[in-house]
Amino acid sequence: HHNYCGVLMKRKFAFTLAEVLITLGIIGVVAAMTMPSIINIYKQKVFNNQFRKVYNTLSNAHVSAKYEWGTNPLCYYNTGGLDSPDFNDCNAFSQIFLKQLNIAKSCGSDAMQKGCIPRYKGIDEIKKENNPDMGDDEILESITGCTNMTYSTLKKYTAYILQDGTIIMPAVGNGNERIAVNTIVDINGMKGPNKWGHDVFYFYIYFDGKKYILNNSGGCMPLEKGGRYVSQMINYVNSH
């Protein structure tokens, strides 16, 4: 009688091969459904941390440059209305600003064209992707005022690579270095996805009468699917 009960107990707690395979199959299906979501959450967390670090780096560089300059340079947009900056001030102030950064490599001009930095899409290309029925002339007309962000212009820009791999570019050409007021930033450098609103952002520098504010709520910054403008990214990072 005792041995019979022992056999029953063993059978009660044993799993058949079919049961094990079914269980593993269910686990596999659940994992397949949840893993992409987990991976995306992890990637966004990494981007958040990188964005926060780069934002602090640029902010600190501005404070240090302003201290060395000795006063508020006329190198910003006003929050009251996008007044034009004094670009002579901007060119001079930008040189001081760049000195505050740990620059590992200067690509010089035509940085993208030379392959020194990744290829970024222009606002004209993204506009075309989002509006395939629009003609080239219509595209150009729709981005009037933002021609500094078309691919043909972007590929000619100067670029700097910082010690931590961050890439920064002044969002103007023709030898102007106005990186202190218009700054394109790739927060993770050569790593992907190299997409606007994901790891690539366009900062404007505002001055509210008391302090500099790095921000951008749209303007000429292209935005690829699922991306965020700088102002949206700041809010997102602060709330996560």
C-alpha atoms as a PDB file:
ATOM      1  CA  HIS A   1       0.000   0.000   0.000  1.00  0.00           C
ATOM      2  CA  HIS A   2       2.846   2.370   0.866  1.00  0.00           C
ATOM      3  CA  ASN A   3       4.649   1.721  -2.444  1.00  0.00           C
ATOM      4  CA  TYR A   4       1.426   2.284  -4.402  1.00  0.00           C
ATOM      5  CA  CYS A   5       0.952   5.733  -2.817  1.00  0.00           C
ATOM      6  CA  GLY A   6       4.543   6.593  -3.642  1.00  0.00           C
ATOM      7  CA  VAL A   7       3.963   5.809  -7.319  1.00  0.00           C
ATOM      8  CA  LEU A   8       0.812   7.966  -7.307  1.00  0.00           C
ATOM      9  CA  MET A   9       2.726  10.883  -5.753  1.00  0.00           C
ATOM     10  CA  LYS A  10       5.469  10.637  -8.349  1.00  0.00           C
ATOM     11  CA  ARG A  11       2.928  10.608 -11.158  1.00  0.00           C
ATOM     12  CA  LYS A  12       1.056  13.523  -9.650  1.00  0.00           C
ATOM     13  CA  PHE A  13       4.071  15.865  -9.784  1.00  0.00           C
ATOM     14  CA  ALA A  14       5.575  14.756 -13.097  1.00  0.00           C
ATOM     15  CA  PHE A  15       5.151  16.662 -16.406  1.00  0.00           C
ATOM     16  CA  THR A  16       4.857  14.963 -19.755  1.00  0.00           C
ATOM     17  CA  LEU A  17       7.043  16.085 -22.645  1.00  0.00           C
ATOM     18  CA  ALA A  18       3.936  17.470 -24.382  1.00  0.00           C
ATOM     19  CA  GLU A  19       3.077  19.611 -21.351  1.00  0.00           C
ATOM     20  CA  VAL A  20       6.645  20.963 -21.159  1.00  0.00           C
ATOM     21  CA  LEU A  21       6.659  21.805 -24.857  1.00  0.00           C
ATOM     22  CA  ILE A  22       3.271  23.534 -24.651  1.00  0.00           C
ATOM     23  CA  THR A  23       4.466  25.588 -21.660  1.00  0.00           C
ATOM     24  CA  LEU A  24       7.680  26.569 -23.451  1.00  0.00           C
ATOM     25  CA  GLY A  25       5.650  27.475 -26.518  1.00  0.00           C
ATOM     26  CA  ILE A  26       3.416  29.773 -24.488  1.00  0.00           C
ATOM     27  CA  ILE A  27       6.465  31.392 -22.847  1.00  0.00           C
ATOM     28  CA  GLY A  28       7.996  31.858 -26.297  1.00  0.00           C
ATOM     29  CA  VAL A  29       4.877  33.543 -27.661  1.00  0.00           C
ATOM     30  CA  VAL A  30       4.626  35.868 -24.642  1.00  0.00           C
ATOM     31  CA  ALA A  31       8.340  36.703 -24.927  1.00  0.00           C
ATOM     32  CA  ALA A  32       8.003  37.423 -28.657  1.00  0.00           C
ATOM     33  CA  MET A  33       5.114  39.778 -27.921  1.00  0.00           C
ATOM     34  CA  THR A  34       6.764  41.634 -25.029  1.00  0.00           C
ATOM     35  CA  MET A  35      10.464  41.729 -26.025  1.00  0.00           C
ATOM     36  CA  PRO A  36      10.144  44.433 -28.724  1.00  0.00           C
ATOM     37  CA  SER A  37       8.325  46.638 -26.229  1.00  0.00           C
ATOM     38  CA  ILE A  38      10.968  46.018 -23.557  1.00  0.00           C
ATOM     39  CA  ILE A  39      13.769  46.717 -26.045  1.00  0.00           C
ATOM     40  CA  ASN A  40      12.115  49.970 -27.165  1.00  0.00           C
ATOM     41  CA  ILE A  41      11.681  51.083 -23.548  1.00  0.00           C
ATOM     42  CA  TYR A  42      15.373  50.345 -22.919  1.00  0.00           C
ATOM     43  CA  LYS A  43      16.474  52.236 -26.047  1.00  0.00           C
ATOM     44  CA  GLN A  44      14.347  55.244 -25.091  1.00  0.00           C
ATOM     45  CA  LYS A  45      15.857  55.185 -21.593  1.00  0.00           C
ATOM     46  CA  VAL A  46      19.338  55.296 -23.132  1.00  0.00           C
ATOM     47  CA  PHE A  47      18.316  58.202 -25.404  1.00  0.00           C
ATOM     48  CA  ASN A  48      16.809  60.012 -22.407  1.00  0.00           C
ATOM     49  CA  ASN A  49      20.054  59.742 -20.442  1.00  0.00           C
ATOM     50  CA  GLN A  50      22.146  60.819 -23.426  1.00  0.00           C
ATOM     51  CA  PHE A  51      19.852  63.757 -24.151  1.00  0.00           C
ATOM     52  CA  ARG A  52      20.028  64.890 -20.508  1.00  0.00           C
ATOM     53  CA  LYS A  53      23.832  64.643 -20.526  1.00  0.00           C
ATOM     54  CA  VAL A  54      24.218  66.570 -23.795  1.00  0.00           C
ATOM     55  CA  TYR A  55      21.727  69.221 -22.683  1.00  0.00           C
ATOM     56  CA  ASN A  56      23.717  69.770 -19.489  1.00  0.00           C
ATOM     57  CA  THR A  57      27.000  69.885 -21.428  1.00  0.00           C
ATOM     58  CA  LEU A  58      25.710  72.578 -23.790  1.00  0.00           C
ATOM     59  CA  SER A  59      24.080  74.543 -20.967  1.00  0.00           C
ATOM     60  CA  ASN A  60      27.287  74.550 -18.920  1.00  0.00           C
ATOM     61  CA  ALA A  61      29.324  75.571 -21.967  1.00  0.00           C
ATOM     62  CA  HIS A  62      27.016  78.550 -22.506  1.00  0.00           C
ATOM     63  CA  VAL A  63      27.311  79.644 -18.880  1.00  0.00           C
ATOM     64  CA  SER A  64      31.118  79.369 -18.997  1.00  0.00           C
ATOM     65  CA  ALA A  65      31.326  81.191 -22.340  1.00  0.00           C
ATOM     66  CA  LYS A  66      29.070  83.966 -21.094  1.00  0.00           C
ATOM     67  CA  TYR A  67      31.276  84.348 -17.989  1.00  0.00           C
ATOM     68  CA  GLU A  68      34.385  84.625 -20.178  1.00  0.00           C
ATOM     69  CA  TRP A  69      32.599  87.056 -22.535  1.00  0.00           C
ATOM     70  CA  GLY A  70      31.807  89.226 -19.544  1.00  0.00           C
ATOM     71  CA  THR A  71      28.234  90.154 -20.396  1.00  0.00           C
ATOM     72  CA  ASN A  72      25.193  88.898 -22.290  1.00  0.00           C
ATOM     73  CA  PRO A  73      26.228  88.572 -25.930  1.00  0.00           C
ATOM     74  CA  LEU A  74      23.607  89.503 -28.494  1.00  0.00           C
ATOM     75  CA  CYS A  75      23.578  85.930 -29.683  1.00  0.00           C
ATOM     76  CA  TYR A  76      20.141  84.521 -29.027  1.00  0.00           C
ATOM     77  CA  TYR A  77      16.487  84.661 -29.987  1.00  0.00           C
ATOM     78  CA  ASN A  78      14.130  86.526 -27.673  1.00  0.00           C
ATOM     79  CA  THR A  79      11.247  84.591 -26.180  1.00  0.00           C
ATOM     80  CA  GLY A  80       9.068  87.583 -26.935  1.00  0.00           C
ATOM     81  CA  GLY A  81       9.278  87.183 -30.650  1.00  0.00           C
ATOM     82  CA  LEU A  82      12.259  85.687 -32.613  1.00  0.00           C
ATOM     83  CA  ASP A  83      14.218  88.931 -32.877  1.00  0.00           C
ATOM     84  CA  SER A  84      17.230  88.506 -35.109  1.00  0.00           C
ATOM     85  CA  PRO A  85      20.439  87.915 -33.150  1.00  0.00           C
ATOM     86  CA  ASP A  86      23.491  90.107 -33.697  1.00  0.00           C
ATOM     87  CA  PHE A  87      25.384  87.641 -35.854  1.00  0.00           C
ATOM     88  CA  ASN A  88      28.707  89.452 -35.440  1.00  0.00           C
ATOM     89  CA  ASP A  89      28.404  88.767 -31.732  1.00  0.00           C
ATOM     90  CA  CYS A  90      27.363  85.202 -32.507  1.00  0.00           C
ATOM     91  CA  ASN A  91      30.431  84.412 -34.593  1.00  0.00           C
ATOM     92  CA  ALA A  92      32.786  85.738 -31.918  1.00  0.00           C
ATOM     93  CA  PHE A  93      30.870  84.238 -28.987  1.00  0.00           C
ATOM     94  CA  SER A  94      30.686  80.864 -30.729  1.00  0.00           C
ATOM     95  CA  GLN A  95      34.476  80.599 -30.741  1.00  0.00           C
ATOM     96  CA  ILE A  96      34.488  81.046 -26.962  1.00  0.00           C
ATOM     97  CA  PHE A  97      31.589  78.593 -26.646  1.00  0.00           C
ATOM     98  CA  LEU A  98      33.476  75.924 -28.621  1.00  0.00           C
ATOM     99  CA  LYS A  99      36.491  76.281 -26.316  1.00  0.00           C
ATOM    100  CA  GLN A 100      34.315  75.176 -23.380  1.00  0.00           C
ATOM    101  CA  LEU A 101      33.630  71.818 -25.041  1.00  0.00           C
ATOM    102  CA  ASN A 102      35.891  68.750 -25.077  1.00  0.00           C
ATOM    103  CA  ILE A 103      36.335  68.553 -28.837  1.00  0.00           C
ATOM    104  CA  ALA A 104      38.128  65.391 -29.950  1.00  0.00           C
ATOM    105  CA  LYS A 105      37.929  66.000 -33.686  1.00  0.00           C
ATOM    106  CA  SER A 106      37.028  68.810 -36.054  1.00  0.00           C
ATOM    107  CA  CYS A 107      35.681  67.525 -39.360  1.00  0.00           C
ATOM    108  CA  GLY A 108      35.926  70.911 -41.042  1.00  0.00           C
ATOM    109  CA  SER A 109      33.438  71.902 -43.729  1.00  0.00           C
ATOM    110  CA  ASP A 110      31.558  69.392 -45.932  1.00  0.00           C
ATOM    111  CA  ALA A 111      31.597  67.033 -42.932  1.00  0.00           C
ATOM    112  CA  MET A 112      28.679  64.888 -44.070  1.00  0.00           C
ATOM    113  CA  GLN A 113      29.779  64.840 -47.678  1.00  0.00           C
ATOM    114  CA  LYS A 114      33.254  63.668 -46.607  1.00  0.00           C
ATOM    115  CA  GLY A 115      31.796  60.891 -44.451  1.00  0.00           C
ATOM    116  CA  CYS A 116      33.240  62.307 -41.232  1.00  0.00           C
ATOM    117  CA  ILE A 117      29.758  62.136 -39.692  1.00  0.00           C
ATOM    118  CA  PRO A 118      26.643  60.068 -40.534  1.00  0.00           C
ATOM    119  CA  ARG A 119      24.231  61.062 -43.283  1.00  0.00           C
ATOM    120  CA  TYR A 120      21.208  62.965 -42.009  1.00  0.00           C
ATOM    121  CA  LYS A 121      18.088  63.552 -44.075  1.00  0.00           C
ATOM    122  CA  GLY A 122      17.247  67.096 -45.062  1.00  0.00           C
ATOM    123  CA  ILE A 123      13.927  68.745 -44.288  1.00  0.00           C
ATOM    124  CA  ASP A 124      13.135  68.579 -48.017  1.00  0.00           C
ATOM    125  CA  GLU A 125      13.641  64.786 -48.093  1.00  0.00           C
ATOM    126  CA  ILE A 126      11.476  64.215 -45.034  1.00  0.00           C
ATOM    127  CA  LYS A 127       8.799  66.530 -46.406  1.00  0.00           C
ATOM    128  CA  LYS A 128       8.804  64.523 -49.642  1.00  0.00           C
ATOM    129  CA  GLU A 129       8.528  61.218 -47.763  1.00  0.00           C
ATOM    130  CA  ASN A 130       5.536  62.516 -45.833  1.00  0.00           C
ATOM    131  CA  ASN A 131       3.944  64.077 -48.925  1.00  0.00           C
ATOM    132  CA  PRO A 132       4.839  61.855 -51.917  1.00  0.00           C
ATOM    133  CA  ASP A 133       2.300  63.613 -54.154  1.00  0.00           C
ATOM    134  CA  MET A 134       3.963  67.019 -53.796  1.00  0.00           C
ATOM    135  CA  GLY A 135       6.245  68.183 -56.588  1.00  0.00           C
ATOM    136  CA  ASP A 136       9.782  69.461 -56.004  1.00  0.00           C
ATOM    137  CA  ASP A 137       8.739  73.084 -56.484  1.00  0.00           C
ATOM    138  CA  GLU A 138       5.889  72.660 -53.999  1.00  0.00           C
ATOM    139  CA  ILE A 139       8.290  71.108 -51.493  1.00  0.00           C
ATOM    140  CA  LEU A 140      10.721  74.031 -51.776  1.00  0.00           C
ATOM    141  CA  GLU A 141       7.887  76.529 -51.474  1.00  0.00           C
ATOM    142  CA  SER A 142       6.610  74.807 -48.322  1.00  0.00           C
ATOM    143  CA  ILE A 143      10.004  75.026 -46.590  1.00  0.00           C
ATOM    144  CA  THR A 144      10.770  78.651 -47.411  1.00  0.00           C
ATOM    145  CA  GLY A 145      12.890  80.040 -44.600  1.00  0.00           C
ATOM    146  CA  CYS A 146      14.285  76.616 -43.765  1.00  0.00           C
ATOM    147  CA  THR A 147      16.621  76.106 -46.705  1.00  0.00           C
ATOM    148  CA  ASN A 148      19.503  75.873 -44.210  1.00  0.00           C
ATOM    149  CA  MET A 149      18.102  72.436 -43.306  1.00  0.00           C
ATOM    150  CA  THR A 150      17.850  70.930 -46.797  1.00  0.00           C
ATOM    151  CA  TYR A 151      20.182  68.028 -47.542  1.00  0.00           C
ATOM    152  CA  SER A 152      22.170  70.002 -50.116  1.00  0.00           C
ATOM    153  CA  THR A 153      23.017  72.526 -47.365  1.00  0.00           C
ATOM    154  CA  LEU A 154      23.381  70.097 -44.446  1.00  0.00           C
ATOM    155  CA  LYS A 155      26.033  68.054 -46.234  1.00  0.00           C
ATOM    156  CA  LYS A 156      28.304  71.129 -46.439  1.00  0.00           C
ATOM    157  CA  TYR A 157      28.253  72.044 -42.756  1.00  0.00           C
ATOM    158  CA  THR A 158      31.204  72.049 -40.400  1.00  0.00           C
ATOM    159  CA  ALA A 159      31.036  69.417 -37.656  1.00  0.00           C
ATOM    160  CA  TYR A 160      32.769  68.761 -34.353  1.00  0.00           C
ATOM    161  CA  ILE A 161      32.979  65.429 -32.536  1.00  0.00           C
ATOM    162  CA  LEU A 162      33.272  65.661 -28.762  1.00  0.00           C
ATOM    163  CA  GLN A 163      35.242  63.288 -26.530  1.00  0.00           C
ATOM    164  CA  ASP A 164      32.080  61.360 -25.623  1.00  0.00           C
ATOM    165  CA  GLY A 165      31.149  60.935 -29.302  1.00  0.00           C
ATOM    166  CA  THR A 166      28.486  63.669 -29.438  1.00  0.00           C
ATOM    167  CA  ILE A 167      28.376  65.435 -32.818  1.00  0.00           C
ATOM    168  CA  ILE A 168      27.571  69.154 -33.014  1.00  0.00           C
ATOM    169  CA  MET A 169      27.160  71.388 -36.054  1.00  0.00           C
ATOM    170  CA  PRO A 170      26.292  75.056 -36.520  1.00  0.00           C
ATOM    171  CA  ALA A 171      23.049  75.168 -38.500  1.00  0.00           C
ATOM    172  CA  VAL A 172      24.358  77.817 -40.888  1.00  0.00           C
ATOM    173  CA  GLY A 173      26.845  77.793 -43.718  1.00  0.00           C
ATOM    174  CA  ASN A 174      29.012  80.271 -45.628  1.00  0.00           C
ATOM    175  CA  GLY A 175      31.800  80.119 -43.072  1.00  0.00           C
ATOM    176  CA  ASN A 176      29.611  81.336 -40.217  1.00  0.00           C
ATOM    177  CA  GLU A 177      30.136  79.510 -36.942  1.00  0.00           C
ATOM    178  CA  ARG A 178      26.900  80.510 -35.234  1.00  0.00           C
ATOM    179  CA  ILE A 179      26.890  77.281 -33.267  1.00  0.00           C
ATOM    180  CA  ALA A 180      26.136  79.213 -30.084  1.00  0.00           C
ATOM    181  CA  VAL A 181      22.650  80.150 -31.301  1.00  0.00           C
ATOM    182  CA  ASN A 182      21.735  77.463 -33.869  1.00  0.00           C
ATOM    183  CA  THR A 183      23.098  74.048 -32.958  1.00  0.00           C
ATOM    184  CA  ILE A 184      22.455  70.657 -34.564  1.00  0.00           C
ATOM    185  CA  VAL A 185      23.281  67.860 -32.126  1.00  0.00           C
ATOM    186  CA  ASP A 186      23.548  64.089 -32.564  1.00  0.00           C
ATOM    187  CA  ILE A 187      23.424  62.911 -28.963  1.00  0.00           C
ATOM    188  CA  ASN A 188      24.976  59.483 -29.622  1.00  0.00           C
ATOM    189  CA  GLY A 189      27.265  60.343 -32.507  1.00  0.00           C
ATOM    190  CA  MET A 190      28.016  57.694 -35.092  1.00  0.00           C
ATOM    191  CA  LYS A 191      25.568  55.203 -33.562  1.00  0.00           C
ATOM    192  CA  GLY A 192      22.118  54.898 -35.118  1.00  0.00           C
ATOM    193  CA  PRO A 193      19.422  55.558 -35.859  1.00  0.00           C
ATOM    194  CA  ASN A 194      20.662  59.070 -36.835  1.00  0.00           C
ATOM    195  CA  LYS A 195      17.076  60.302 -37.106  1.00  0.00           C
ATOM    196  CA  TRP A 196      15.619  63.712 -36.378  1.00  0.00           C
ATOM    197  CA  GLY A 197      13.718  63.768 -33.102  1.00  0.00           C
ATOM    198  CA  HIS A 198      15.231  60.473 -31.956  1.00  0.00           C
ATOM    199  CA  ASP A 199      18.960  61.049 -31.532  1.00  0.00           C
ATOM    200  CA  VAL A 200      19.357  64.170 -33.692  1.00  0.00           C
ATOM    201  CA  PHE A 201      18.021  67.553 -32.580  1.00  0.00           C
ATOM    202  CA  TYR A 202      18.157  71.203 -33.602  1.00  0.00           C
ATOM    203  CA  PHE A 203      18.552  73.605 -30.664  1.00  0.00           C
ATOM    204  CA  TYR A 204      17.822  77.317 -30.727  1.00  0.00           C
ATOM    205  CA  ILE A 205      19.239  79.484 -27.962  1.00  0.00           C
ATOM    206  CA  TYR A 206      16.707  81.805 -26.384  1.00  0.00           C
ATOM    207  CA  PHE A 207      17.244  84.520 -23.808  1.00  0.00           C
ATOM    208  CA  ASP A 208      14.353  85.371 -21.521  1.00  0.00           C
ATOM    209  CA  GLY A 209      15.942  88.508 -20.076  1.00  0.00           C
ATOM    210  CA  LYS A 210      17.675  86.603 -17.287  1.00  0.00           C
ATOM    211  CA  LYS A 211      19.145  83.372 -18.614  1.00  0.00           C
ATOM    212  CA  TYR A 212      19.833  81.351 -21.729  1.00  0.00           C
ATOM    213  CA  ILE A 213      17.364  78.595 -22.581  1.00  0.00           C
ATOM    214  CA  LEU A 214      18.190  75.762 -24.970  1.00  0.00           C
ATOM    215  CA  ASN A 215      14.958  74.844 -26.661  1.00  0.00           C
ATOM    216  CA  ASN A 216      13.094  74.355 -29.918  1.00  0.00           C
ATOM    217  CA  SER A 217       9.403  73.663 -30.312  1.00  0.00           C
ATOM    218  CA  GLY A 218       9.453  73.133 -34.041  1.00  0.00           C
ATOM    219  CA  GLY A 219      10.644  75.738 -36.487  1.00  0.00           C
ATOM    220  CA  CYS A 220      12.972  74.334 -39.120  1.00  0.00           C
ATOM    221  CA  MET A 221      13.820  71.135 -37.290  1.00  0.00           C
ATOM    222  CA  PRO A 222      12.785  68.145 -39.434  1.00  0.00           C
ATOM    223  CA  LEU A 223      10.898  65.449 -37.564  1.00  0.00           C
ATOM    224  CA  GLU A 224      11.004  61.780 -38.524  1.00  0.00           C
ATOM    225  CA  LYS A 225       8.266  59.310 -37.600  1.00  0.00           C
ATOM    226  CA  GLY A 226       7.924  58.877 -33.850  1.00  0.00           C
ATOM    227  CA  GLY A 227      10.376  61.689 -33.092  1.00  0.00           C
ATOM    228  CA  ARG A 228      10.117  64.619 -30.693  1.00  0.00           C
ATOM    229  CA  TYR A 229      11.068  68.281 -30.900  1.00  0.00           C
ATOM    230  CA  VAL A 230      13.550  69.549 -28.301  1.00  0.00           C
ATOM    231  CA  SER A 231      10.827  71.060 -26.090  1.00  0.00           C
ATOM    232  CA  GLN A 232       8.872  67.790 -26.200  1.00  0.00           C
ATOM    233  CA  MET A 233      12.009  65.793 -25.416  1.00  0.00           C
ATOM    234  CA  ILE A 234      12.804  68.025 -22.426  1.00  0.00           C
ATOM    235  CA  ASN A 235       9.307  67.448 -21.040  1.00  0.00           C
ATOM    236  CA  TYR A 236       9.517  63.714 -21.757  1.00  0.00           C
ATOM    237  CA  VAL A 237      12.923  63.312 -20.103  1.00  0.00           C
ATOM    238  CA  ASN A 238      11.827  65.311 -17.045  1.00  0.00           C
ATOM    239  CA  SER A 239       8.718  63.155 -16.606  1.00  0.00           C
ATOM    240  CA  HIS A 240      10.450  59.769 -16.964  1.00  0.00           C
END
